Amino acid sequence: CIYHSGNKNMIVIMCHGFGSDKDEVGGMFTRIAEALAEEDI
C-alpha cells in the first residue's frame, strides 16, 4: 500500500479495479492521492 498523510479528521481509502493495481490505469489513483495531499487530506 501507499499512504499519503494529511489531516487526521479524514482519510480516503482507494480500492482499484479488476486486473489493475494501487496506482490504477493511467496513474489515476496516484494523481488523485497527490491532489488530495495538496488539500491536506
PDB file of all heavy atoms in Angstrom:
ATOM      1  N   CYS A   1       0.831  -1.201   0.000  1.00  0.00           N
ATOM      2  CA  CYS A   1       0.000   0.000   0.000  1.00  0.00           C
ATOM      3  C   CYS A   1       0.866   1.251   0.000  1.00  0.00           C
ATOM      4  O   CYS A   1       2.062   1.204   0.319  1.00  0.00           O
ATOM      5  CB  CYS A   1      -0.941  -0.003   1.209  1.00  0.00           C
ATOM      6  SG  CYS A   1      -0.096  -0.088   2.804  1.00  0.00           S
ATOM      7  N   ILE A   2       0.269   2.350  -0.366  1.00  0.00           N
ATOM      8  CA  ILE A   2       0.929   3.659  -0.338  1.00  0.00           C
ATOM      9  C   ILE A   2       0.021   4.614   0.432  1.00  0.00           C
ATOM     10  O   ILE A   2      -1.169   4.748   0.131  1.00  0.00           O
ATOM     11  CB  ILE A   2       1.191   4.192  -1.755  1.00  0.00           C
ATOM     12  CG1 ILE A   2       2.175   3.270  -2.481  1.00  0.00           C
ATOM     13  CG2 ILE A   2       1.747   5.621  -1.691  1.00  0.00           C
ATOM     14  CD1 ILE A   2       2.494   3.698  -3.895  1.00  0.00           C
ATOM     15  N   TYR A   3       0.613   5.260   1.414  1.00  0.00           N
ATOM     16  CA  TYR A   3      -0.127   6.158   2.298  1.00  0.00           C
ATOM     17  C   TYR A   3       0.376   7.584   2.117  1.00  0.00           C
ATOM     18  O   TYR A   3       1.580   7.818   2.090  1.00  0.00           O
ATOM     19  CB  TYR A   3       0.064   5.711   3.746  1.00  0.00           C
ATOM     20  CG  TYR A   3      -0.353   6.710   4.797  1.00  0.00           C
ATOM     21  CD1 TYR A   3      -1.702   6.947   5.057  1.00  0.00           C
ATOM     22  CD2 TYR A   3       0.603   7.416   5.531  1.00  0.00           C
ATOM     23  CE1 TYR A   3      -2.088   7.860   6.030  1.00  0.00           C
ATOM     24  CE2 TYR A   3       0.224   8.324   6.500  1.00  0.00           C
ATOM     25  CZ  TYR A   3      -1.119   8.548   6.747  1.00  0.00           C
ATOM     26  OH  TYR A   3      -1.493   9.454   7.706  1.00  0.00           O
ATOM     27  N   HIS A   4      -0.561   8.512   1.959  1.00  0.00           N
ATOM     28  CA  HIS A   4      -0.241   9.934   1.947  1.00  0.00           C
ATOM     29  C   HIS A   4      -0.845  10.540   3.210  1.00  0.00           C
ATOM     30  O   HIS A   4      -2.045  10.415   3.444  1.00  0.00           O
ATOM     31  CB  HIS A   4      -0.837  10.622   0.712  1.00  0.00           C
ATOM     32  CG  HIS A   4      -0.135  10.306  -0.570  1.00  0.00           C
ATOM     33  ND1 HIS A   4       0.750  11.166  -1.169  1.00  0.00           N
ATOM     34  CD2 HIS A   4      -0.174   9.206  -1.361  1.00  0.00           C
ATOM     35  CE1 HIS A   4       1.223  10.628  -2.276  1.00  0.00           C
ATOM     36  NE2 HIS A   4       0.679   9.436  -2.417  1.00  0.00           N
ATOM     37  N   SER A   5      -0.026  11.184   4.015  1.00  0.00           N
ATOM     38  CA  SER A   5      -0.519  11.755   5.268  1.00  0.00           C
ATOM     39  C   SER A   5      -1.343  13.009   5.011  1.00  0.00           C
ATOM     40  O   SER A   5      -1.276  13.626   3.942  1.00  0.00           O
ATOM     41  CB  SER A   5       0.647  12.073   6.201  1.00  0.00           C
ATOM     42  OG  SER A   5       1.489  13.045   5.614  1.00  0.00           O
ATOM     43  N   GLY A   6      -2.114  13.374   6.012  1.00  0.00           N
ATOM     44  CA  GLY A   6      -2.956  14.555   5.933  1.00  0.00           C
ATOM     45  C   GLY A   6      -3.618  14.802   7.262  1.00  0.00           C
ATOM     46  O   GLY A   6      -3.276  14.176   8.276  1.00  0.00           O
ATOM     47  N   ASN A   7      -4.567  15.706   7.288  1.00  0.00           N
ATOM     48  CA  ASN A   7      -5.322  15.998   8.500  1.00  0.00           C
ATOM     49  C   ASN A   7      -5.949  14.722   9.044  1.00  0.00           C
ATOM     50  O   ASN A   7      -6.519  13.927   8.304  1.00  0.00           O
ATOM     51  CB  ASN A   7      -6.412  17.025   8.174  1.00  0.00           C
ATOM     52  CG  ASN A   7      -7.112  17.541   9.409  1.00  0.00           C
ATOM     53  OD1 ASN A   7      -7.805  16.794  10.097  1.00  0.00           O
ATOM     54  ND2 ASN A   7      -6.934  18.824   9.679  1.00  0.00           N
ATOM     55  N   LYS A   8      -5.849  14.535  10.356  1.00  0.00           N
ATOM     56  CA  LYS A   8      -6.318  13.288  10.971  1.00  0.00           C
ATOM     57  C   LYS A   8      -7.837  13.149  10.998  1.00  0.00           C
ATOM     58  O   LYS A   8      -8.360  12.123  11.436  1.00  0.00           O
ATOM     59  CB  LYS A   8      -5.782  13.176  12.401  1.00  0.00           C
ATOM     60  CG  LYS A   8      -4.360  12.648  12.494  1.00  0.00           C
ATOM     61  CD  LYS A   8      -4.326  11.159  12.167  1.00  0.00           C
ATOM     62  CE  LYS A   8      -2.931  10.593  12.375  1.00  0.00           C
ATOM     63  NZ  LYS A   8      -2.885   9.138  12.131  1.00  0.00           N
ATOM     64  N   ASN A   9      -8.551  14.161  10.541  1.00  0.00           N
ATOM     65  CA  ASN A   9     -10.011  14.065  10.573  1.00  0.00           C
ATOM     66  C   ASN A   9     -10.566  13.141   9.497  1.00  0.00           C
ATOM     67  O   ASN A   9     -11.651  12.583   9.646  1.00  0.00           O
ATOM     68  CB  ASN A   9     -10.637  15.456  10.411  1.00  0.00           C
ATOM     69  CG  ASN A   9     -10.447  16.323  11.634  1.00  0.00           C
ATOM     70  OD1 ASN A   9     -10.331  15.812  12.745  1.00  0.00           O
ATOM     71  ND2 ASN A   9     -10.391  17.629  11.438  1.00  0.00           N
ATOM     72  N   MET A  10      -9.836  12.984   8.383  1.00  0.00           N
ATOM     73  CA  MET A  10     -10.410  12.247   7.252  1.00  0.00           C
ATOM     74  C   MET A  10      -9.332  11.516   6.463  1.00  0.00           C
ATOM     75  O   MET A  10      -8.213  11.994   6.313  1.00  0.00           O
ATOM     76  CB  MET A  10     -11.155  13.210   6.322  1.00  0.00           C
ATOM     77  CG  MET A  10     -11.708  12.574   5.058  1.00  0.00           C
ATOM     78  SD  MET A  10     -12.512  13.800   3.969  1.00  0.00           S
ATOM     79  CE  MET A  10     -14.021  14.095   4.910  1.00  0.00           C
ATOM     80  N   ILE A  11      -9.706  10.356   5.927  1.00  0.00           N
ATOM     81  CA  ILE A  11      -8.833   9.623   5.023  1.00  0.00           C
ATOM     82  C   ILE A  11      -9.667   9.027   3.891  1.00  0.00           C
ATOM     83  O   ILE A  11     -10.811   8.613   4.095  1.00  0.00           O
ATOM     84  CB  ILE A  11      -8.058   8.503   5.758  1.00  0.00           C
ATOM     85  CG1 ILE A  11      -7.012   7.860   4.827  1.00  0.00           C
ATOM     86  CG2 ILE A  11      -9.010   7.451   6.336  1.00  0.00           C
ATOM     87  CD1 ILE A  11      -6.041   6.946   5.537  1.00  0.00           C
ATOM     88  N   VAL A  12      -9.122   9.023   2.696  1.00  0.00           N
ATOM     89  CA  VAL A  12      -9.758   8.423   1.523  1.00  0.00           C
ATOM     90  C   VAL A  12      -9.055   7.100   1.248  1.00  0.00           C
ATOM     91  O   VAL A  12      -7.846   7.070   1.018  1.00  0.00           O
ATOM     92  CB  VAL A  12      -9.673   9.340   0.294  1.00  0.00           C
ATOM     93  CG1 VAL A  12     -10.338   8.676  -0.909  1.00  0.00           C
ATOM     94  CG2 VAL A  12     -10.318  10.693   0.588  1.00  0.00           C
ATOM     95  N   ILE A  13      -9.799   6.014   1.285  1.00  0.00           N
ATOM     96  CA  ILE A  13      -9.252   4.680   1.008  1.00  0.00           C
ATOM     97  C   ILE A  13      -9.694   4.266  -0.379  1.00  0.00           C
ATOM     98  O   ILE A  13     -10.887   4.264  -0.690  1.00  0.00           O
ATOM     99  CB  ILE A  13      -9.706   3.670   2.069  1.00  0.00           C
ATOM    100  CG1 ILE A  13      -9.152   4.085   3.441  1.00  0.00           C
ATOM    101  CG2 ILE A  13      -9.239   2.257   1.712  1.00  0.00           C
ATOM    102  CD1 ILE A  13      -9.640   3.224   4.594  1.00  0.00           C
ATOM    103  N   MET A  14      -8.720   3.913  -1.229  1.00  0.00           N
ATOM    104  CA  MET A  14      -8.988   3.639  -2.635  1.00  0.00           C
ATOM    105  C   MET A  14      -8.877   2.152  -2.942  1.00  0.00           C
ATOM    106  O   MET A  14      -7.908   1.506  -2.558  1.00  0.00           O
ATOM    107  CB  MET A  14      -7.992   4.411  -3.513  1.00  0.00           C
ATOM    108  CG  MET A  14      -7.950   5.898  -3.218  1.00  0.00           C
ATOM    109  SD  MET A  14      -6.748   6.749  -4.269  1.00  0.00           S
ATOM    110  CE  MET A  14      -6.603   8.301  -3.380  1.00  0.00           C
ATOM    111  N   CYS A  15      -9.869   1.648  -3.659  1.00  0.00           N
ATOM    112  CA  CYS A  15      -9.944   0.229  -3.995  1.00  0.00           C
ATOM    113  C   CYS A  15      -9.960   0.095  -5.521  1.00  0.00           C
ATOM    114  O   CYS A  15     -10.936   0.486  -6.175  1.00  0.00           O
ATOM    115  CB  CYS A  15     -11.203  -0.373  -3.369  1.00  0.00           C
ATOM    116  SG  CYS A  15     -11.264  -2.161  -3.369  1.00  0.00           S
ATOM    117  N   HIS A  16      -8.882  -0.426  -6.091  1.00  0.00           N
ATOM    118  CA  HIS A  16      -8.726  -0.450  -7.548  1.00  0.00           C
ATOM    119  C   HIS A  16      -9.579  -1.533  -8.217  1.00  0.00           C
ATOM    120  O   HIS A  16     -10.201  -2.369  -7.569  1.00  0.00           O
ATOM    121  CB  HIS A  16      -7.251  -0.626  -7.922  1.00  0.00           C
ATOM    122  CG  HIS A  16      -6.677  -1.968  -7.550  1.00  0.00           C
ATOM    123  ND1 HIS A  16      -6.970  -3.123  -8.234  1.00  0.00           N
ATOM    124  CD2 HIS A  16      -5.811  -2.332  -6.563  1.00  0.00           C
ATOM    125  CE1 HIS A  16      -6.328  -4.150  -7.700  1.00  0.00           C
ATOM    126  NE2 HIS A  16      -5.615  -3.696  -6.676  1.00  0.00           N
ATOM    127  N   GLY A  17      -9.556  -1.523  -9.533  1.00  0.00           N
ATOM    128  CA  GLY A  17     -10.378  -2.427 -10.315  1.00  0.00           C
ATOM    129  C   GLY A  17      -9.704  -3.745 -10.662  1.00  0.00           C
ATOM    130  O   GLY A  17      -8.541  -3.988 -10.349  1.00  0.00           O
ATOM    131  N   PHE A  18     -10.452  -4.578 -11.356  1.00  0.00           N
ATOM    132  CA  PHE A  18     -10.027  -5.921 -11.742  1.00  0.00           C
ATOM    133  C   PHE A  18      -8.837  -5.863 -12.704  1.00  0.00           C
ATOM    134  O   PHE A  18      -8.865  -5.163 -13.710  1.00  0.00           O
ATOM    135  CB  PHE A  18     -11.197  -6.641 -12.408  1.00  0.00           C
ATOM    136  CG  PHE A  18     -10.939  -8.077 -12.759  1.00  0.00           C
ATOM    137  CD1 PHE A  18     -10.722  -9.017 -11.775  1.00  0.00           C
ATOM    138  CD2 PHE A  18     -10.930  -8.475 -14.087  1.00  0.00           C
ATOM    139  CE1 PHE A  18     -10.497 -10.348 -12.103  1.00  0.00           C
ATOM    140  CE2 PHE A  18     -10.713  -9.808 -14.425  1.00  0.00           C
ATOM    141  CZ  PHE A  18     -10.486 -10.736 -13.430  1.00  0.00           C
ATOM    142  N   GLY A  19      -7.775  -6.591 -12.373  1.00  0.00           N
ATOM    143  CA  GLY A  19      -6.612  -6.639 -13.234  1.00  0.00           C
ATOM    144  C   GLY A  19      -5.704  -5.430 -13.139  1.00  0.00           C
ATOM    145  O   GLY A  19      -4.699  -5.352 -13.840  1.00  0.00           O
ATOM    146  N   SER A  20      -6.020  -4.489 -12.261  1.00  0.00           N
ATOM    147  CA  SER A  20      -5.247  -3.261 -12.140  1.00  0.00           C
ATOM    148  C   SER A  20      -4.357  -3.329 -10.896  1.00  0.00           C
ATOM    149  O   SER A  20      -3.990  -4.401 -10.431  1.00  0.00           O
ATOM    150  CB  SER A  20      -6.187  -2.056 -12.092  1.00  0.00           C
ATOM    151  OG  SER A  20      -5.474  -0.845 -12.186  1.00  0.00           O
ATOM    152  N   ASP A  21      -4.004  -2.168 -10.350  1.00  0.00           N
ATOM    153  CA  ASP A  21      -3.183  -2.132  -9.139  1.00  0.00           C
ATOM    154  C   ASP A  21      -3.453  -0.834  -8.389  1.00  0.00           C
ATOM    155  O   ASP A  21      -4.330  -0.053  -8.782  1.00  0.00           O
ATOM    156  CB  ASP A  21      -1.693  -2.284  -9.457  1.00  0.00           C
ATOM    157  CG  ASP A  21      -1.162  -1.199 -10.379  1.00  0.00           C
ATOM    158  OD1 ASP A  21      -1.639  -0.043 -10.298  1.00  0.00           O
ATOM    159  OD2 ASP A  21      -0.277  -1.488 -11.191  1.00  0.00           O
ATOM    160  N   LYS A  22      -2.699  -0.607  -7.340  1.00  0.00           N
ATOM    161  CA  LYS A  22      -2.962   0.522  -6.446  1.00  0.00           C
ATOM    162  C   LYS A  22      -2.798   1.889  -7.096  1.00  0.00           C
ATOM    163  O   LYS A  22      -3.291   2.888  -6.565  1.00  0.00           O
ATOM    164  CB  LYS A  22      -2.073   0.431  -5.204  1.00  0.00           C
ATOM    165  CG  LYS A  22      -0.579   0.405  -5.473  1.00  0.00           C
ATOM    166  CD  LYS A  22       0.201   0.233  -4.173  1.00  0.00           C
ATOM    167  CE  LYS A  22       1.691   0.026  -4.429  1.00  0.00           C
ATOM    168  NZ  LYS A  22       1.958  -1.284  -5.100  1.00  0.00           N
ATOM    169  N   ASP A  23      -2.092   1.973  -8.225  1.00  0.00           N
ATOM    170  CA  ASP A  23      -1.950   3.255  -8.917  1.00  0.00           C
ATOM    171  C   ASP A  23      -3.086   3.494  -9.908  1.00  0.00           C
ATOM    172  O   ASP A  23      -3.324   4.624 -10.311  1.00  0.00           O
ATOM    173  CB  ASP A  23      -0.613   3.323  -9.654  1.00  0.00           C
ATOM    174  CG  ASP A  23       0.570   3.310  -8.688  1.00  0.00           C
ATOM    175  OD1 ASP A  23       0.391   3.721  -7.529  1.00  0.00           O
ATOM    176  OD2 ASP A  23       1.659   2.866  -9.100  1.00  0.00           O
ATOM    177  N   GLU A  24      -3.766   2.449 -10.310  1.00  0.00           N
ATOM    178  CA  GLU A  24      -4.856   2.441 -11.284  1.00  0.00           C
ATOM    179  C   GLU A  24      -4.359   2.828 -12.679  1.00  0.00           C
ATOM    180  O   GLU A  24      -3.296   3.405 -12.853  1.00  0.00           O
ATOM    181  CB  GLU A  24      -6.021   3.328 -10.872  1.00  0.00           C
ATOM    182  CG  GLU A  24      -7.260   2.577 -10.416  1.00  0.00           C
ATOM    183  CD  GLU A  24      -7.705   1.444 -11.341  1.00  0.00           C
ATOM    184  OE1 GLU A  24      -7.377   1.442 -12.524  1.00  0.00           O
ATOM    185  OE2 GLU A  24      -8.405   0.556 -10.842  1.00  0.00           O
ATOM    186  N   VAL A  25      -5.154   2.473 -13.654  1.00  0.00           N
ATOM    187  CA  VAL A  25      -4.787   2.685 -15.058  1.00  0.00           C
ATOM    188  C   VAL A  25      -4.504   4.173 -15.309  1.00  0.00           C
ATOM    189  O   VAL A  25      -5.238   5.049 -14.848  1.00  0.00           O
ATOM    190  CB  VAL A  25      -5.915   2.177 -15.988  1.00  0.00           C
ATOM    191  CG1 VAL A  25      -7.224   2.912 -15.743  1.00  0.00           C
ATOM    192  CG2 VAL A  25      -5.502   2.300 -17.449  1.00  0.00           C
ATOM    193  N   GLY A  26      -3.419   4.441 -16.016  1.00  0.00           N
ATOM    194  CA  GLY A  26      -3.057   5.822 -16.292  1.00  0.00           C
ATOM    195  C   GLY A  26      -2.626   6.593 -15.062  1.00  0.00           C
ATOM    196  O   GLY A  26      -2.502   7.824 -15.116  1.00  0.00           O
ATOM    197  N   GLY A  27      -2.389   5.876 -13.934  1.00  0.00           N
ATOM    198  CA  GLY A  27      -1.981   6.548 -12.702  1.00  0.00           C
ATOM    199  C   GLY A  27      -3.070   7.383 -12.059  1.00  0.00           C
ATOM    200  O   GLY A  27      -2.798   8.316 -11.295  1.00  0.00           O
ATOM    201  N   MET A  28      -4.341   7.040 -12.317  1.00  0.00           N
ATOM    202  CA  MET A  28      -5.447   7.856 -11.812  1.00  0.00           C
ATOM    203  C   MET A  28      -5.466   7.946 -10.292  1.00  0.00           C
ATOM    204  O   MET A  28      -5.736   9.006  -9.722  1.00  0.00           O
ATOM    205  CB  MET A  28      -6.781   7.325 -12.333  1.00  0.00           C
ATOM    206  CG  MET A  28      -7.023   7.628 -13.797  1.00  0.00           C
ATOM    207  SD  MET A  28      -8.739   7.329 -14.311  1.00  0.00           S
ATOM    208  CE  MET A  28      -8.777   5.542 -14.271  1.00  0.00           C
ATOM    209  N   PHE A  29      -5.203   6.822  -9.614  1.00  0.00           N
ATOM    210  CA  PHE A  29      -5.211   6.852  -8.147  1.00  0.00           C
ATOM    211  C   PHE A  29      -3.996   7.618  -7.612  1.00  0.00           C
ATOM    212  O   PHE A  29      -4.088   8.306  -6.591  1.00  0.00           O
ATOM    213  CB  PHE A  29      -5.226   5.433  -7.583  1.00  0.00           C
ATOM    214  CG  PHE A  29      -6.608   4.829  -7.476  1.00  0.00           C
ATOM    215  CD1 PHE A  29      -7.722   5.487  -7.970  1.00  0.00           C
ATOM    216  CD2 PHE A  29      -6.798   3.596  -6.862  1.00  0.00           C
ATOM    217  CE1 PHE A  29      -8.991   4.930  -7.872  1.00  0.00           C
ATOM    218  CE2 PHE A  29      -8.059   3.039  -6.742  1.00  0.00           C
ATOM    219  CZ  PHE A  29      -9.159   3.700  -7.249  1.00  0.00           C
ATOM    220  N   THR A  30      -2.877   7.503  -8.287  1.00  0.00           N
ATOM    221  CA  THR A  30      -1.695   8.263  -7.883  1.00  0.00           C
ATOM    222  C   THR A  30      -1.979   9.753  -7.971  1.00  0.00           C
ATOM    223  O   THR A  30      -1.668  10.523  -7.046  1.00  0.00           O
ATOM    224  CB  THR A  30      -0.501   7.921  -8.789  1.00  0.00           C
ATOM    225  OG1 THR A  30      -0.266   6.523  -8.746  1.00  0.00           O
ATOM    226  CG2 THR A  30       0.751   8.656  -8.338  1.00  0.00           C
ATOM    227  N   ARG A  31      -2.595  10.144  -9.062  1.00  0.00           N
ATOM    228  CA  ARG A  31      -2.868  11.565  -9.287  1.00  0.00           C
ATOM    229  C   ARG A  31      -3.867  12.134  -8.279  1.00  0.00           C
ATOM    230  O   ARG A  31      -3.663  13.235  -7.753  1.00  0.00           O
ATOM    231  CB  ARG A  31      -3.374  11.780 -10.717  1.00  0.00           C
ATOM    232  CG  ARG A  31      -2.304  11.573 -11.768  1.00  0.00           C
ATOM    233  CD  ARG A  31      -2.866  11.697 -13.167  1.00  0.00           C
ATOM    234  NE  ARG A  31      -3.481  13.003 -13.393  1.00  0.00           N
ATOM    235  CZ  ARG A  31      -4.043  13.358 -14.553  1.00  0.00           C
ATOM    236  NH1 ARG A  31      -4.057  12.499 -15.563  1.00  0.00           N
ATOM    237  NH2 ARG A  31      -4.582  14.552 -14.701  1.00  0.00           N
ATOM    238  N   ILE A  32      -4.914  11.387  -7.988  1.00  0.00           N
ATOM    239  CA  ILE A  32      -5.881  11.940  -7.038  1.00  0.00           C
ATOM    240  C   ILE A  32      -5.306  11.941  -5.628  1.00  0.00           C
ATOM    241  O   ILE A  32      -5.591  12.839  -4.821  1.00  0.00           O
ATOM    242  CB  ILE A  32      -7.233  11.213  -7.094  1.00  0.00           C
ATOM    243  CG1 ILE A  32      -8.276  12.004  -6.299  1.00  0.00           C
ATOM    244  CG2 ILE A  32      -7.127   9.775  -6.576  1.00  0.00           C
ATOM    245  CD1 ILE A  32      -9.688  11.524  -6.458  1.00  0.00           C
ATOM    246  N   ALA A  33      -4.456  10.969  -5.298  1.00  0.00           N
ATOM    247  CA  ALA A  33      -3.808  10.959  -3.985  1.00  0.00           C
ATOM    248  C   ALA A  33      -2.946  12.200  -3.810  1.00  0.00           C
ATOM    249  O   ALA A  33      -2.935  12.832  -2.742  1.00  0.00           O
ATOM    250  CB  ALA A  33      -2.977   9.695  -3.820  1.00  0.00           C
ATOM    251  N   GLU A  34      -2.215  12.557  -4.860  1.00  0.00           N
ATOM    252  CA  GLU A  34      -1.372  13.747  -4.804  1.00  0.00           C
ATOM    253  C   GLU A  34      -2.214  15.015  -4.699  1.00  0.00           C
ATOM    254  O   GLU A  34      -1.856  15.955  -3.974  1.00  0.00           O
ATOM    255  CB  GLU A  34      -0.467  13.785  -6.034  1.00  0.00           C
ATOM    256  CG  GLU A  34       0.575  12.677  -6.042  1.00  0.00           C
ATOM    257  CD  GLU A  34       1.323  12.560  -7.367  1.00  0.00           C
ATOM    258  OE1 GLU A  34       0.878  13.205  -8.349  1.00  0.00           O
ATOM    259  OE2 GLU A  34       2.329  11.824  -7.414  1.00  0.00           O
ATOM    260  N   ALA A  35      -3.341  15.047  -5.420  1.00  0.00           N
ATOM    261  CA  ALA A  35      -4.232  16.207  -5.360  1.00  0.00           C
ATOM    262  C   ALA A  35      -4.845  16.348  -3.968  1.00  0.00           C
ATOM    263  O   ALA A  35      -4.978  17.465  -3.444  1.00  0.00           O
ATOM    264  CB  ALA A  35      -5.325  16.081  -6.413  1.00  0.00           C
ATOM    265  N   LEU A  36      -5.200  15.225  -3.364  1.00  0.00           N
ATOM    266  CA  LEU A  36      -5.756  15.260  -2.005  1.00  0.00           C
ATOM    267  C   LEU A  36      -4.705  15.710  -0.995  1.00  0.00           C
ATOM    268  O   LEU A  36      -5.009  16.463  -0.059  1.00  0.00           O
ATOM    269  CB  LEU A  36      -6.293  13.881  -1.633  1.00  0.00           C
ATOM    270  CG  LEU A  36      -7.549  13.428  -2.373  1.00  0.00           C
ATOM    271  CD1 LEU A  36      -7.830  11.951  -2.099  1.00  0.00           C
ATOM    272  CD2 LEU A  36      -8.753  14.268  -1.966  1.00  0.00           C
ATOM    273  N   ALA A  37      -3.463  15.258  -1.173  1.00  0.00           N
ATOM    274  CA  ALA A  37      -2.383  15.650  -0.257  1.00  0.00           C
ATOM    275  C   ALA A  37      -2.190  17.162  -0.270  1.00  0.00           C
ATOM    276  O   ALA A  37      -1.898  17.776   0.772  1.00  0.00           O
ATOM    277  CB  ALA A  37      -1.094  14.935  -0.633  1.00  0.00           C
ATOM    278  N   GLU A  38      -2.367  17.775  -1.429  1.00  0.00           N
ATOM    279  CA  GLU A  38      -2.242  19.228  -1.525  1.00  0.00           C
ATOM    280  C   GLU A  38      -3.328  19.938  -0.719  1.00  0.00           C
ATOM    281  O   GLU A  38      -3.152  21.094  -0.327  1.00  0.00           O
ATOM    282  CB  GLU A  38      -2.308  19.659  -2.992  1.00  0.00           C
ATOM    283  CG  GLU A  38      -1.100  19.231  -3.816  1.00  0.00           C
ATOM    284  CD  GLU A  38      -1.192  19.666  -5.256  1.00  0.00           C
ATOM    285  OE1 GLU A  38      -2.218  20.309  -5.615  1.00  0.00           O
ATOM    286  OE2 GLU A  38      -0.266  19.377  -6.036  1.00  0.00           O
ATOM    287  N   GLU A  39      -4.424  19.241  -0.491  1.00  0.00           N
ATOM    288  CA  GLU A  39      -5.525  19.791   0.308  1.00  0.00           C
ATOM    289  C   GLU A  39      -5.472  19.299   1.752  1.00  0.00           C
ATOM    290  O   GLU A  39      -6.437  19.468   2.505  1.00  0.00           O
ATOM    291  CB  GLU A  39      -6.872  19.394  -0.319  1.00  0.00           C
ATOM    292  CG  GLU A  39      -7.075  19.877  -1.745  1.00  0.00           C
ATOM    293  CD  GLU A  39      -7.192  21.389  -1.846  1.00  0.00           C
ATOM    294  OE1 GLU A  39      -7.539  22.027  -0.821  1.00  0.00           O
ATOM    295  OE2 GLU A  39      -6.928  21.921  -2.944  1.00  0.00           O
ATOM    296  N   ASP A  40      -4.354  18.684   2.139  1.00  0.00           N
ATOM    297  CA  ASP A  40      -4.152  18.163   3.494  1.00  0.00           C
ATOM    298  C   ASP A  40      -5.165  17.064   3.834  1.00  0.00           C
ATOM    299  O   ASP A  40      -5.612  16.939   4.970  1.00  0.00           O
ATOM    300  CB  ASP A  40      -4.233  19.293   4.535  1.00  0.00           C
ATOM    301  CG  ASP A  40      -3.649  18.882   5.885  1.00  0.00           C
ATOM    302  OD1 ASP A  40      -2.735  18.033   5.903  1.00  0.00           O
ATOM    303  OD2 ASP A  40      -4.124  19.405   6.916  1.00  0.00           O
ATOM    304  N   ILE A  41      -5.511  16.261   2.830  1.00  0.00           N
ATOM    305  CA  ILE A  41      -6.421  15.132   3.037  1.00  0.00           C
ATOM    306  C   ILE A  41      -5.631  13.843   2.838  1.00  0.00           C
ATOM    307  O   ILE A  41      -5.003  13.634   1.798  1.00  0.00           O
ATOM    308  CB  ILE A  41      -7.608  15.185   2.058  1.00  0.00           C
ATOM    309  CG1 ILE A  41      -8.435  16.458   2.300  1.00  0.00           C
ATOM    310  CG2 ILE A  41      -8.485  13.946   2.210  1.00  0.00           C
ATOM    311  CD1 ILE A  41      -9.527  16.676   1.278  1.00  0.00           C
TER     312      ILE A  41
END
